[in-house]
């Protein structure tokens, strides 16, 4: 797995937009101007949001990821060489859903095309 796979997964989600807000080769995937996934310049993993700090810590304790540097403690960094593709896809989609659900109803409807 690699950056291309993560970008493919992210780009397929409704309203997902890629940017490089910090420059230097980051991929920051956003929905409604809120980030749901980020790939750093090291090009070895993706950071995603989890439902809570406790969920992130549990996944860290289980060895499924590490604390995402520079992000809130509810974010998890996944090493894409160690996480199966189906789990990677699920974590990215879950992160997207968490961020999407926090958007205003107006933004959600606009993104959904309704």
PDB file of N, CA and C in Angstrom:
ATOM      1  N   UNK A   1       0.846  -1.176   0.000  1.00  0.00           N
ATOM      2  CA  UNK A   1       0.000   0.000   0.000  1.00  0.00           C
ATOM      3  C   UNK A   1       0.885   1.231   0.000  1.00  0.00           C
ATOM      4  N   UNK A   2       0.306   2.321  -0.509  1.00  0.00           N
ATOM      5  CA  UNK A   2       1.093   3.523  -0.607  1.00  0.00           C
ATOM      6  C   UNK A   2       0.203   4.758  -0.708  1.00  0.00           C
ATOM      7  N   UNK A   3       0.852   5.885  -0.922  1.00  0.00           N
ATOM      8  CA  UNK A   3       0.180   7.171  -1.041  1.00  0.00           C
ATOM      9  C   UNK A   3      -0.892   7.137  -2.132  1.00  0.00           C
ATOM     10  N   UNK A   4      -0.603   6.490  -3.248  1.00  0.00           N
ATOM     11  CA  UNK A   4      -1.571   6.428  -4.346  1.00  0.00           C
ATOM     12  C   UNK A   4      -2.860   5.741  -3.917  1.00  0.00           C
ATOM     13  N   UNK A   5      -2.743   4.647  -3.168  1.00  0.00           N
ATOM     14  CA  UNK A   5      -3.933   3.936  -2.695  1.00  0.00           C
ATOM     15  C   UNK A   5      -4.736   4.822  -1.745  1.00  0.00           C
ATOM     16  N   UNK A   6      -4.067   5.469  -0.802  1.00  0.00           N
ATOM     17  CA  UNK A   6      -4.763   6.353   0.136  1.00  0.00           C
ATOM     18  C   UNK A   6      -5.464   7.473  -0.622  1.00  0.00           C
ATOM     19  N   UNK A   7      -4.778   8.079  -1.573  1.00  0.00           N
ATOM     20  CA  UNK A   7      -5.389   9.153  -2.361  1.00  0.00           C
ATOM     21  C   UNK A   7      -6.568   8.643  -3.184  1.00  0.00           C
ATOM     22  N   UNK A   8      -6.475   7.421  -3.673  1.00  0.00           N
ATOM     23  CA  UNK A   8      -7.585   6.818  -4.417  1.00  0.00           C
ATOM     24  C   UNK A   8      -8.800   6.622  -3.515  1.00  0.00           C
ATOM     25  N   UNK A   9      -8.576   6.110  -2.309  1.00  0.00           N
ATOM     26  CA  UNK A   9      -9.671   5.906  -1.350  1.00  0.00           C
ATOM     27  C   UNK A   9     -10.314   7.243  -1.003  1.00  0.00           C
ATOM     28  N   UNK A  10      -9.495   8.222  -0.674  1.00  0.00           N
ATOM     29  CA  UNK A  10     -10.003   9.531  -0.263  1.00  0.00           C
ATOM     30  C   UNK A  10     -10.748  10.235  -1.390  1.00  0.00           C
ATOM     31  N   UNK A  11     -10.200  10.177  -2.590  1.00  0.00           N
ATOM     32  CA  UNK A  11     -10.813  10.903  -3.706  1.00  0.00           C
ATOM     33  C   UNK A  11     -12.183  10.347  -4.088  1.00  0.00           C
ATOM     34  N   UNK A  12     -12.470   9.118  -3.723  1.00  0.00           N
ATOM     35  CA  UNK A  12     -13.755   8.505  -4.048  1.00  0.00           C
ATOM     36  C   UNK A  12     -14.878   8.928  -3.091  1.00  0.00           C
ATOM     37  N   UNK A  13     -14.521   9.585  -2.002  1.00  0.00           N
ATOM     38  CA  UNK A  13     -15.527   9.985  -1.020  1.00  0.00           C
ATOM     39  C   UNK A  13     -16.201  11.297  -1.449  1.00  0.00           C
ATOM     40  N   UNK A  14     -17.519  11.397  -1.268  1.00  0.00           N
ATOM     41  CA  UNK A  14     -18.258  12.572  -1.724  1.00  0.00           C
ATOM     42  C   UNK A  14     -17.722  13.879  -1.122  1.00  0.00           C
ATOM     43  N   UNK A  15     -17.430  14.842  -1.991  1.00  0.00           N
ATOM     44  CA  UNK A  15     -16.992  16.155  -1.545  1.00  0.00           C
ATOM     45  C   UNK A  15     -15.559  16.233  -1.061  1.00  0.00           C
ATOM     46  N   UNK A  16     -14.798  15.146  -1.177  1.00  0.00           N
ATOM     47  CA  UNK A  16     -13.416  15.139  -0.694  1.00  0.00           C
ATOM     48  C   UNK A  16     -12.537  15.979  -1.609  1.00  0.00           C
ATOM     49  N   UNK A  17     -11.705  16.807  -0.985  1.00  0.00           N
ATOM     50  CA  UNK A  17     -10.814  17.705  -1.705  1.00  0.00           C
ATOM     51  C   UNK A  17      -9.414  17.564  -1.116  1.00  0.00           C
ATOM     52  N   UNK A  18      -8.418  17.507  -1.995  1.00  0.00           N
ATOM     53  CA  UNK A  18      -7.022  17.382  -1.578  1.00  0.00           C
ATOM     54  C   UNK A  18      -6.343  18.739  -1.655  1.00  0.00           C
ATOM     55  N   UNK A  19      -5.516  19.035  -0.652  1.00  0.00           N
ATOM     56  CA  UNK A  19      -4.740  20.266  -0.674  1.00  0.00           C
ATOM     57  C   UNK A  19      -3.397  20.020   0.010  1.00  0.00           C
ATOM     58  N   UNK A  20      -2.514  21.002  -0.083  1.00  0.00           N
ATOM     59  CA  UNK A  20      -1.210  20.951   0.580  1.00  0.00           C
ATOM     60  C   UNK A  20      -1.062  22.242   1.383  1.00  0.00           C
ATOM     61  N   UNK A  21      -1.787  22.347   2.513  1.00  0.00           N
ATOM     62  CA  UNK A  21      -1.849  23.616   3.240  1.00  0.00           C
ATOM     63  C   UNK A  21      -0.526  24.059   3.866  1.00  0.00           C
ATOM     64  N   UNK A  22       0.371  23.132   4.107  1.00  0.00           N
ATOM     65  CA  UNK A  22       1.636  23.479   4.752  1.00  0.00           C
ATOM     66  C   UNK A  22       2.789  23.519   3.759  1.00  0.00           C
ATOM     67  N   UNK A  23       2.526  23.164   2.517  1.00  0.00           N
ATOM     68  CA  UNK A  23       3.574  23.126   1.509  1.00  0.00           C
ATOM     69  C   UNK A  23       4.504  21.946   1.724  1.00  0.00           C
ATOM     70  N   UNK A  24       5.347  21.705   0.765  1.00  0.00           N
ATOM     71  CA  UNK A  24       6.354  20.670   0.940  1.00  0.00           C
ATOM     72  C   UNK A  24       5.927  19.254   0.672  1.00  0.00           C
ATOM     73  N   UNK A  25       4.749  19.024   0.106  1.00  0.00           N
ATOM     74  CA  UNK A  25       4.374  17.674  -0.285  1.00  0.00           C
ATOM     75  C   UNK A  25       3.443  16.925   0.638  1.00  0.00           C
ATOM     76  N   UNK A  26       2.624  17.632   1.403  1.00  0.00           N
ATOM     77  CA  UNK A  26       1.601  16.977   2.224  1.00  0.00           C
ATOM     78  C   UNK A  26       0.351  16.766   1.385  1.00  0.00           C
ATOM     79  N   UNK A  27      -0.417  15.750   1.710  1.00  0.00           N
ATOM     80  CA  UNK A  27      -1.754  15.579   1.155  1.00  0.00           C
ATOM     81  C   UNK A  27      -2.722  15.700   2.325  1.00  0.00           C
ATOM     82  N   UNK A  28      -3.485  16.771   2.348  1.00  0.00           N
ATOM     83  CA  UNK A  28      -4.492  16.980   3.391  1.00  0.00           C
ATOM     84  C   UNK A  28      -5.858  16.823   2.739  1.00  0.00           C
ATOM     85  N   UNK A  29      -6.537  15.747   3.069  1.00  0.00           N
ATOM     86  CA  UNK A  29      -7.860  15.482   2.509  1.00  0.00           C
ATOM     87  C   UNK A  29      -8.916  16.096   3.408  1.00  0.00           C
ATOM     88  N   UNK A  30      -9.806  16.874   2.793  1.00  0.00           N
ATOM     89  CA  UNK A  30     -10.834  17.587   3.546  1.00  0.00           C
ATOM     90  C   UNK A  30     -12.206  17.343   2.945  1.00  0.00           C
ATOM     91  N   UNK A  31     -13.200  17.469   3.808  1.00  0.00           N
ATOM     92  CA  UNK A  31     -14.589  17.510   3.372  1.00  0.00           C
ATOM     93  C   UNK A  31     -15.202  18.708   4.088  1.00  0.00           C
ATOM     94  N   UNK A  32     -15.846  19.589   3.326  1.00  0.00           N
ATOM     95  CA  UNK A  32     -16.412  20.795   3.927  1.00  0.00           C
ATOM     96  C   UNK A  32     -15.381  21.634   4.649  1.00  0.00           C
ATOM     97  N   UNK A  33     -14.171  21.704   4.132  1.00  0.00           N
ATOM     98  CA  UNK A  33     -13.052  22.471   4.701  1.00  0.00           C
ATOM     99  C   UNK A  33     -12.530  21.913   6.022  1.00  0.00           C
ATOM    100  N   UNK A  34     -12.896  20.705   6.364  1.00  0.00           N
ATOM    101  CA  UNK A  34     -12.407  20.049   7.588  1.00  0.00           C
ATOM    102  C   UNK A  34     -11.610  18.810   7.203  1.00  0.00           C
ATOM    103  N   UNK A  35     -10.419  18.671   7.754  1.00  0.00           N
ATOM    104  CA  UNK A  35      -9.541  17.562   7.386  1.00  0.00           C
ATOM    105  C   UNK A  35     -10.006  16.237   7.991  1.00  0.00           C
ATOM    106  N   UNK A  36      -9.966  15.182   7.155  1.00  0.00           N
ATOM    107  CA  UNK A  36     -10.273  13.836   7.638  1.00  0.00           C
ATOM    108  C   UNK A  36      -9.114  12.868   7.434  1.00  0.00           C
ATOM    109  N   UNK A  37      -8.126  13.227   6.626  1.00  0.00           N
ATOM    110  CA  UNK A  37      -6.947  12.369   6.431  1.00  0.00           C
ATOM    111  C   UNK A  37      -5.772  13.239   5.997  1.00  0.00           C
ATOM    112  N   UNK A  38      -4.586  12.836   6.442  1.00  0.00           N
ATOM    113  CA  UNK A  38      -3.397  13.601   6.084  1.00  0.00           C
ATOM    114  C   UNK A  38      -2.214  12.666   5.884  1.00  0.00           C
ATOM    115  N   UNK A  39      -1.499  12.896   4.784  1.00  0.00           N
ATOM    116  CA  UNK A  39      -0.273  12.157   4.497  1.00  0.00           C
ATOM    117  C   UNK A  39       0.877  13.148   4.587  1.00  0.00           C
ATOM    118  N   UNK A  40       1.881  12.798   5.369  1.00  0.00           N
ATOM    119  CA  UNK A  40       3.027  13.681   5.543  1.00  0.00           C
ATOM    120  C   UNK A  40       4.084  13.485   4.479  1.00  0.00           C
ATOM    121  N   UNK A  41       5.121  14.296   4.563  1.00  0.00           N
ATOM    122  CA  UNK A  41       6.190  14.248   3.569  1.00  0.00           C
ATOM    123  C   UNK A  41       7.053  12.990   3.685  1.00  0.00           C
ATOM    124  N   UNK A  42       7.013  12.311   4.829  1.00  0.00           N
ATOM    125  CA  UNK A  42       7.783  11.066   4.958  1.00  0.00           C
ATOM    126  C   UNK A  42       7.237   9.965   4.061  1.00  0.00           C
ATOM    127  N   UNK A  43       5.954  10.125   3.656  1.00  0.00           N
ATOM    128  CA  UNK A  43       5.351   9.199   2.699  1.00  0.00           C
ATOM    129  C   UNK A  43       5.328   7.752   3.193  1.00  0.00           C
ATOM    130  N   UNK A  44       4.997   7.579   4.475  1.00  0.00           N
ATOM    131  CA  UNK A  44       4.989   6.221   5.023  1.00  0.00           C
ATOM    132  C   UNK A  44       3.725   5.899   5.824  1.00  0.00           C
ATOM    133  N   UNK A  45       2.747   6.778   5.778  1.00  0.00           N
ATOM    134  CA  UNK A  45       1.527   6.508   6.518  1.00  0.00           C
ATOM    135  C   UNK A  45       0.519   7.622   6.353  1.00  0.00           C
ATOM    136  N   UNK A  46      -0.643   7.415   6.959  1.00  0.00           N
ATOM    137  CA  UNK A  46      -1.727   8.394   6.878  1.00  0.00           C
ATOM    138  C   UNK A  46      -2.292   8.596   8.282  1.00  0.00           C
ATOM    139  N   UNK A  47      -2.617   9.844   8.598  1.00  0.00           N
ATOM    140  CA  UNK A  47      -3.245  10.165   9.877  1.00  0.00           C
ATOM    141  C   UNK A  47      -4.743  10.327   9.663  1.00  0.00           C
ATOM    142  N   UNK A  48      -5.516   9.726  10.565  1.00  0.00           N
ATOM    143  CA  UNK A  48      -6.980   9.761  10.475  1.00  0.00           C
ATOM    144  C   UNK A  48      -7.583  10.040  11.848  1.00  0.00           C
ATOM    145  N   UNK A  49      -8.794  10.554  11.844  1.00  0.00           N
ATOM    146  CA  UNK A  49      -9.506  10.823  13.093  1.00  0.00           C
ATOM    147  C   UNK A  49     -10.228   9.561  13.557  1.00  0.00           C
ATOM    148  N   UNK A  50     -10.243   9.360  14.859  1.00  0.00           N
ATOM    149  CA  UNK A  50     -11.003   8.262  15.458  1.00  0.00           C
ATOM    150  C   UNK A  50     -12.178   8.880  16.234  1.00  0.00           C
ATOM    151  N   UNK A  51     -13.139   8.080  16.650  1.00  0.00           N
ATOM    152  CA  UNK A  51     -14.290   8.638  17.358  1.00  0.00           C
ATOM    153  C   UNK A  51     -13.946   9.359  18.666  1.00  0.00           C
ATOM    154  N   UNK A  52     -12.849   8.960  19.309  1.00  0.00           N
ATOM    155  CA  UNK A  52     -12.512   9.572  20.597  1.00  0.00           C
ATOM    156  C   UNK A  52     -11.042   9.344  20.933  1.00  0.00           C
ATOM    157  N   UNK A  53     -10.581  10.048  21.941  1.00  0.00           N
ATOM    158  CA  UNK A  53      -9.222   9.857  22.452  1.00  0.00           C
ATOM    159  C   UNK A  53      -9.054   8.418  22.935  1.00  0.00           C
ATOM    160  N   UNK A  54     -10.094   7.888  23.563  1.00  0.00           N
ATOM    161  CA  UNK A  54     -10.030   6.517  24.085  1.00  0.00           C
ATOM    162  C   UNK A  54      -9.908   5.492  22.955  1.00  0.00           C
ATOM    163  N   UNK A  55     -10.644   5.713  21.878  1.00  0.00           N
ATOM    164  CA  UNK A  55     -10.541   4.814  20.723  1.00  0.00           C
ATOM    165  C   UNK A  55      -9.134   4.850  20.130  1.00  0.00           C
ATOM    166  N   UNK A  56      -8.593   6.050  19.997  1.00  0.00           N
ATOM    167  CA  UNK A  56      -7.231   6.180  19.461  1.00  0.00           C
ATOM    168  C   UNK A  56      -6.238   5.458  20.361  1.00  0.00           C
ATOM    169  N   UNK A  57      -6.380   5.635  21.673  1.00  0.00           N
ATOM    170  CA  UNK A  57      -5.448   5.000  22.601  1.00  0.00           C
ATOM    171  C   UNK A  57      -5.579   3.478  22.556  1.00  0.00           C
ATOM    172  N   UNK A  58      -6.790   2.978  22.455  1.00  0.00           N
ATOM    173  CA  UNK A  58      -6.992   1.536  22.351  1.00  0.00           C
ATOM    174  C   UNK A  58      -6.298   0.980  21.107  1.00  0.00           C
ATOM    175  N   UNK A  59      -6.461   1.658  19.986  1.00  0.00           N
ATOM    176  CA  UNK A  59      -5.822   1.210  18.741  1.00  0.00           C
ATOM    177  C   UNK A  59      -4.300   1.284  18.847  1.00  0.00           C
ATOM    178  N   UNK A  60      -3.795   2.292  19.545  1.00  0.00           N
ATOM    179  CA  UNK A  60      -2.349   2.390  19.780  1.00  0.00           C
ATOM    180  C   UNK A  60      -1.894   1.223  20.649  1.00  0.00           C
ATOM    181  N   UNK A  61      -2.645   0.958  21.728  1.00  0.00           N
ATOM    182  CA  UNK A  61      -2.305  -0.153  22.630  1.00  0.00           C
ATOM    183  C   UNK A  61      -2.329  -1.493  21.912  1.00  0.00           C
ATOM    184  N   UNK A  62      -3.222  -1.635  20.926  1.00  0.00           N
ATOM    185  CA  UNK A  62      -3.322  -2.876  20.161  1.00  0.00           C
ATOM    186  C   UNK A  62      -2.286  -2.959  19.038  1.00  0.00           C
ATOM    187  N   UNK A  63      -1.494  -1.902  18.881  1.00  0.00           N
ATOM    188  CA  UNK A  63      -0.456  -1.894  17.861  1.00  0.00           C
ATOM    189  C   UNK A  63      -0.971  -1.624  16.457  1.00  0.00           C
ATOM    190  N   UNK A  64      -2.172  -1.059  16.335  1.00  0.00           N
ATOM    191  CA  UNK A  64      -2.754  -0.792  15.018  1.00  0.00           C
ATOM    192  C   UNK A  64      -2.278   0.538  14.447  1.00  0.00           C
ATOM    193  N   UNK A  65      -1.665   1.372  15.267  1.00  0.00           N
ATOM    194  CA  UNK A  65      -1.167   2.668  14.819  1.00  0.00           C
ATOM    195  C   UNK A  65      -0.420   3.343  15.946  1.00  0.00           C
ATOM    196  N   UNK A  66      -0.013   4.583  15.698  1.00  0.00           N
ATOM    197  CA  UNK A  66       0.683   5.391  16.702  1.00  0.00           C
ATOM    198  C   UNK A  66      -0.012   6.741  16.794  1.00  0.00           C
ATOM    199  N   UNK A  67       0.304   7.473  17.858  1.00  0.00           N
ATOM    200  CA  UNK A  67      -0.259   8.809  17.997  1.00  0.00           C
ATOM    201  C   UNK A  67       0.184   9.650  16.805  1.00  0.00           C
ATOM    202  N   UNK A  68      -0.763  10.335  16.199  1.00  0.00           N
ATOM    203  CA  UNK A  68      -0.468  11.167  15.035  1.00  0.00           C
ATOM    204  C   UNK A  68       0.228  12.446  15.501  1.00  0.00           C
ATOM    205  N   UNK A  69       1.480  12.647  15.078  1.00  0.00           N
ATOM    206  CA  UNK A  69       2.184  13.857  15.498  1.00  0.00           C
ATOM    207  C   UNK A  69       1.470  15.116  15.010  1.00  0.00           C
ATOM    208  N   UNK A  70       1.455  16.127  15.862  1.00  0.00           N
ATOM    209  CA  UNK A  70       0.895  17.448  15.552  1.00  0.00           C
ATOM    210  C   UNK A  70      -0.627  17.492  15.523  1.00  0.00           C
ATOM    211  N   UNK A  71      -1.287  16.369  15.774  1.00  0.00           N
ATOM    212  CA  UNK A  71      -2.748  16.332  15.751  1.00  0.00           C
ATOM    213  C   UNK A  71      -3.289  16.110  17.163  1.00  0.00           C
ATOM    214  N   UNK A  72      -4.574  16.361  17.318  1.00  0.00           N
ATOM    215  CA  UNK A  72      -5.272  16.076  18.578  1.00  0.00           C
ATOM    216  C   UNK A  72      -5.116  14.599  18.911  1.00  0.00           C
ATOM    217  N   UNK A  73      -5.240  14.259  20.164  1.00  0.00           N
ATOM    218  CA  UNK A  73      -5.040  12.870  20.614  1.00  0.00           C
ATOM    219  C   UNK A  73      -6.082  11.897  20.071  1.00  0.00           C
ATOM    220  N   UNK A  74      -7.145  12.399  19.470  1.00  0.00           N
ATOM    221  CA  UNK A  74      -8.145  11.506  18.865  1.00  0.00           C
ATOM    222  C   UNK A  74      -7.737  11.073  17.458  1.00  0.00           C
ATOM    223  N   UNK A  75      -6.579  11.552  16.998  1.00  0.00           N
ATOM    224  CA  UNK A  75      -6.075  11.168  15.680  1.00  0.00           C
ATOM    225  C   UNK A  75      -5.056  10.049  15.819  1.00  0.00           C
ATOM    226  N   UNK A  76      -5.006   9.204  14.805  1.00  0.00           N
ATOM    227  CA  UNK A  76      -4.140   8.033  14.787  1.00  0.00           C
ATOM    228  C   UNK A  76      -3.353   8.028  13.479  1.00  0.00           C
ATOM    229  N   UNK A  77      -2.085   7.688  13.569  1.00  0.00           N
ATOM    230  CA  UNK A  77      -1.278   7.561  12.356  1.00  0.00           C
ATOM    231  C   UNK A  77      -1.122   6.084  12.027  1.00  0.00           C
ATOM    232  N   UNK A  78      -1.503   5.721  10.821  1.00  0.00           N
ATOM    233  CA  UNK A  78      -1.433   4.337  10.362  1.00  0.00           C
ATOM    234  C   UNK A  78      -0.240   4.171   9.430  1.00  0.00           C
ATOM    235  N   UNK A  79       0.586   3.210   9.709  1.00  0.00           N
ATOM    236  CA  UNK A  79       1.700   2.871   8.817  1.00  0.00           C
ATOM    237  C   UNK A  79       1.130   1.965   7.743  1.00  0.00           C
ATOM    238  N   UNK A  80       1.079   2.460   6.516  1.00  0.00           N
ATOM    239  CA  UNK A  80       0.388   1.696   5.477  1.00  0.00           C
ATOM    240  C   UNK A  80       1.126   0.443   5.055  1.00  0.00           C
ATOM    241  N   UNK A  81       2.336   0.228   5.535  1.00  0.00           N
ATOM    242  CA  UNK A  81       3.026  -1.037   5.251  1.00  0.00           C
ATOM    243  C   UNK A  81       2.630  -2.112   6.248  1.00  0.00           C
ATOM    244  N   UNK A  82       1.930  -1.724   7.320  1.00  0.00           N
ATOM    245  CA  UNK A  82       1.595  -2.688   8.368  1.00  0.00           C
ATOM    246  C   UNK A  82       0.102  -2.884   8.580  1.00  0.00           C
ATOM    247  N   UNK A  83      -0.717  -2.072   7.921  1.00  0.00           N
ATOM    248  CA  UNK A  83      -2.164  -2.175   8.088  1.00  0.00           C
ATOM    249  C   UNK A  83      -2.757  -2.765   6.814  1.00  0.00           C
ATOM    250  N   UNK A  84      -3.572  -3.814   6.938  1.00  0.00           N
ATOM    251  CA  UNK A  84      -4.193  -4.399   5.742  1.00  0.00           C
ATOM    252  C   UNK A  84      -5.059  -3.372   5.008  1.00  0.00           C
ATOM    253  N   UNK A  85      -5.183  -3.530   3.704  1.00  0.00           N
ATOM    254  CA  UNK A  85      -5.909  -2.566   2.885  1.00  0.00           C
ATOM    255  C   UNK A  85      -7.346  -2.368   3.357  1.00  0.00           C
ATOM    256  N   UNK A  86      -8.039  -3.440   3.732  1.00  0.00           N
ATOM    257  CA  UNK A  86      -9.430  -3.288   4.159  1.00  0.00           C
ATOM    258  C   UNK A  86      -9.541  -2.477   5.447  1.00  0.00           C
ATOM    259  N   UNK A  87      -8.593  -2.649   6.362  1.00  0.00           N
ATOM    260  CA  UNK A  87      -8.605  -1.869   7.591  1.00  0.00           C
ATOM    261  C   UNK A  87      -8.258  -0.411   7.298  1.00  0.00           C
ATOM    262  N   UNK A  88      -7.284  -0.185   6.435  1.00  0.00           N
ATOM    263  CA  UNK A  88      -6.908   1.171   6.048  1.00  0.00           C
ATOM    264  C   UNK A  88      -8.116   1.895   5.448  1.00  0.00           C
ATOM    265  N   UNK A  89      -8.798   1.223   4.548  1.00  0.00           N
ATOM    266  CA  UNK A  89      -9.993   1.794   3.907  1.00  0.00           C
ATOM    267  C   UNK A  89     -11.061   2.107   4.963  1.00  0.00           C
ATOM    268  N   UNK A  90     -11.288   1.188   5.884  1.00  0.00           N
ATOM    269  CA  UNK A  90     -12.292   1.384   6.931  1.00  0.00           C
ATOM    270  C   UNK A  90     -11.941   2.573   7.820  1.00  0.00           C
ATOM    271  N   UNK A  91     -10.679   2.693   8.207  1.00  0.00           N
ATOM    272  CA  UNK A  91     -10.260   3.801   9.082  1.00  0.00           C
ATOM    273  C   UNK A  91     -10.411   5.146   8.368  1.00  0.00           C
ATOM    274  N   UNK A  92     -10.072   5.199   7.091  1.00  0.00           N
ATOM    275  CA  UNK A  92     -10.220   6.442   6.330  1.00  0.00           C
ATOM    276  C   UNK A  92     -11.700   6.796   6.192  1.00  0.00           C
ATOM    277  N   UNK A  93     -12.531   5.821   5.856  1.00  0.00           N
ATOM    278  CA  UNK A  93     -13.968   6.071   5.693  1.00  0.00           C
ATOM    279  C   UNK A  93     -14.610   6.466   7.023  1.00  0.00           C
ATOM    280  N   UNK A  94     -14.171   5.856   8.115  1.00  0.00           N
ATOM    281  CA  UNK A  94     -14.689   6.218   9.436  1.00  0.00           C
ATOM    282  C   UNK A  94     -14.310   7.652   9.776  1.00  0.00           C
ATOM    283  N   UNK A  95     -13.079   8.027   9.517  1.00  0.00           N
ATOM    284  CA  UNK A  95     -12.622   9.392   9.760  1.00  0.00           C
ATOM    285  C   UNK A  95     -13.465  10.377   8.953  1.00  0.00           C
ATOM    286  N   UNK A  96     -13.689  10.058   7.691  1.00  0.00           N
ATOM    287  CA  UNK A  96     -14.518  10.896   6.822  1.00  0.00           C
ATOM    288  C   UNK A  96     -15.914  11.069   7.425  1.00  0.00           C
ATOM    289  N   UNK A  97     -16.524   9.965   7.861  1.00  0.00           N
ATOM    290  CA  UNK A  97     -17.881  10.021   8.415  1.00  0.00           C
ATOM    291  C   UNK A  97     -17.941  10.871   9.682  1.00  0.00           C
ATOM    292  N   UNK A  98     -16.906  10.769  10.516  1.00  0.00           N
ATOM    293  CA  UNK A  98     -16.858  11.574  11.744  1.00  0.00           C
ATOM    294  C   UNK A  98     -16.830  13.061  11.397  1.00  0.00           C
ATOM    295  N   UNK A  99     -15.961  13.422  10.463  1.00  0.00           N
ATOM    296  CA  UNK A  99     -15.838  14.823  10.067  1.00  0.00           C
ATOM    297  C   UNK A  99     -17.101  15.290   9.355  1.00  0.00           C
ATOM    298  N   UNK A 100     -17.616  14.481   8.439  1.00  0.00           N
ATOM    299  CA  UNK A 100     -18.832  14.840   7.704  1.00  0.00           C
ATOM    300  C   UNK A 100     -20.000  15.073   8.660  1.00  0.00           C
ATOM    301  N   UNK A 101     -20.141  14.212   9.659  1.00  0.00           N
ATOM    302  CA  UNK A 101     -21.267  14.336  10.590  1.00  0.00           C
ATOM    303  C   UNK A 101     -21.173  15.602  11.440  1.00  0.00           C
ATOM    304  N   UNK A 102     -19.987  16.176  11.570  1.00  0.00           N
ATOM    305  CA  UNK A 102     -19.809  17.405  12.332  1.00  0.00           C
ATOM    306  C   UNK A 102     -20.065  18.670  11.524  1.00  0.00           C
ATOM    307  N   UNK A 103     -20.284  18.518  10.227  1.00  0.00           N
ATOM    308  CA  UNK A 103     -20.572  19.671   9.378  1.00  0.00           C
ATOM    309  C   UNK A 103     -22.008  20.135   9.593  1.00  0.00           C
ATOM    310  N   UNK A 104     -22.274  21.368   9.229  1.00  0.00           N
ATOM    311  CA  UNK A 104     -23.642  21.858   9.318  1.00  0.00           C
ATOM    312  C   UNK A 104     -24.525  21.056   8.356  1.00  0.00           C
ATOM    313  N   UNK A 105     -25.801  21.004   8.653  1.00  0.00           N
ATOM    314  CA  UNK A 105     -26.743  20.291   7.787  1.00  0.00           C
ATOM    315  C   UNK A 105     -26.733  20.880   6.386  1.00  0.00           C
ATOM    316  N   UNK A 106     -26.577  22.181   6.298  1.00  0.00           N
ATOM    317  CA  UNK A 106     -26.541  22.851   5.003  1.00  0.00           C
ATOM    318  C   UNK A 106     -25.355  22.353   4.177  1.00  0.00           C
ATOM    319  N   UNK A 107     -24.172  22.260   4.791  1.00  0.00           N
ATOM    320  CA  UNK A 107     -22.991  21.756   4.088  1.00  0.00           C
ATOM    321  C   UNK A 107     -23.164  20.282   3.711  1.00  0.00           C
ATOM    322  N   UNK A 108     -23.735  19.514   4.639  1.00  0.00           N
ATOM    323  CA  UNK A 108     -23.951  18.084   4.353  1.00  0.00           C
ATOM    324  C   UNK A 108     -24.853  17.916   3.136  1.00  0.00           C
ATOM    325  N   UNK A 109     -25.916  18.663   3.065  1.00  0.00           N
ATOM    326  CA  UNK A 109     -26.845  18.574   1.945  1.00  0.00           C
ATOM    327  C   UNK A 109     -26.179  18.998   0.641  1.00  0.00           C
ATOM    328  N   UNK A 110     -25.385  20.043   0.701  1.00  0.00           N
ATOM    329  CA  UNK A 110     -24.683  20.527  -0.495  1.00  0.00           C
ATOM    330  C   UNK A 110     -23.721  19.453  -1.014  1.00  0.00           C
ATOM    331  N   UNK A 111     -22.980  18.836  -0.106  1.00  0.00           N
ATOM    332  CA  UNK A 111     -22.018  17.791  -0.490  1.00  0.00           C
ATOM    333  C   UNK A 111     -22.749  16.566  -1.023  1.00  0.00           C
ATOM    334  N   UNK A 112     -23.861  16.241  -0.403  1.00  0.00           N
ATOM    335  CA  UNK A 112     -24.647  15.062  -0.820  1.00  0.00           C
ATOM    336  C   UNK A 112     -25.388  15.309  -2.122  1.00  0.00           C
ATOM    337  N   UNK A 113     -25.427  16.546  -2.567  1.00  0.00           N
ATOM    338  CA  UNK A 113     -26.112  16.858  -3.816  1.00  0.00           C
ATOM    339  C   UNK A 113     -27.608  16.943  -3.687  1.00  0.00           C
ATOM    340  N   UNK A 114     -28.111  17.225  -2.514  1.00  0.00           N
ATOM    341  CA  UNK A 114     -29.561  17.292  -2.310  1.00  0.00           C
ATOM    342  C   UNK A 114     -30.021  18.713  -2.170  1.00  0.00           C
TER     343      UNK A 114
END
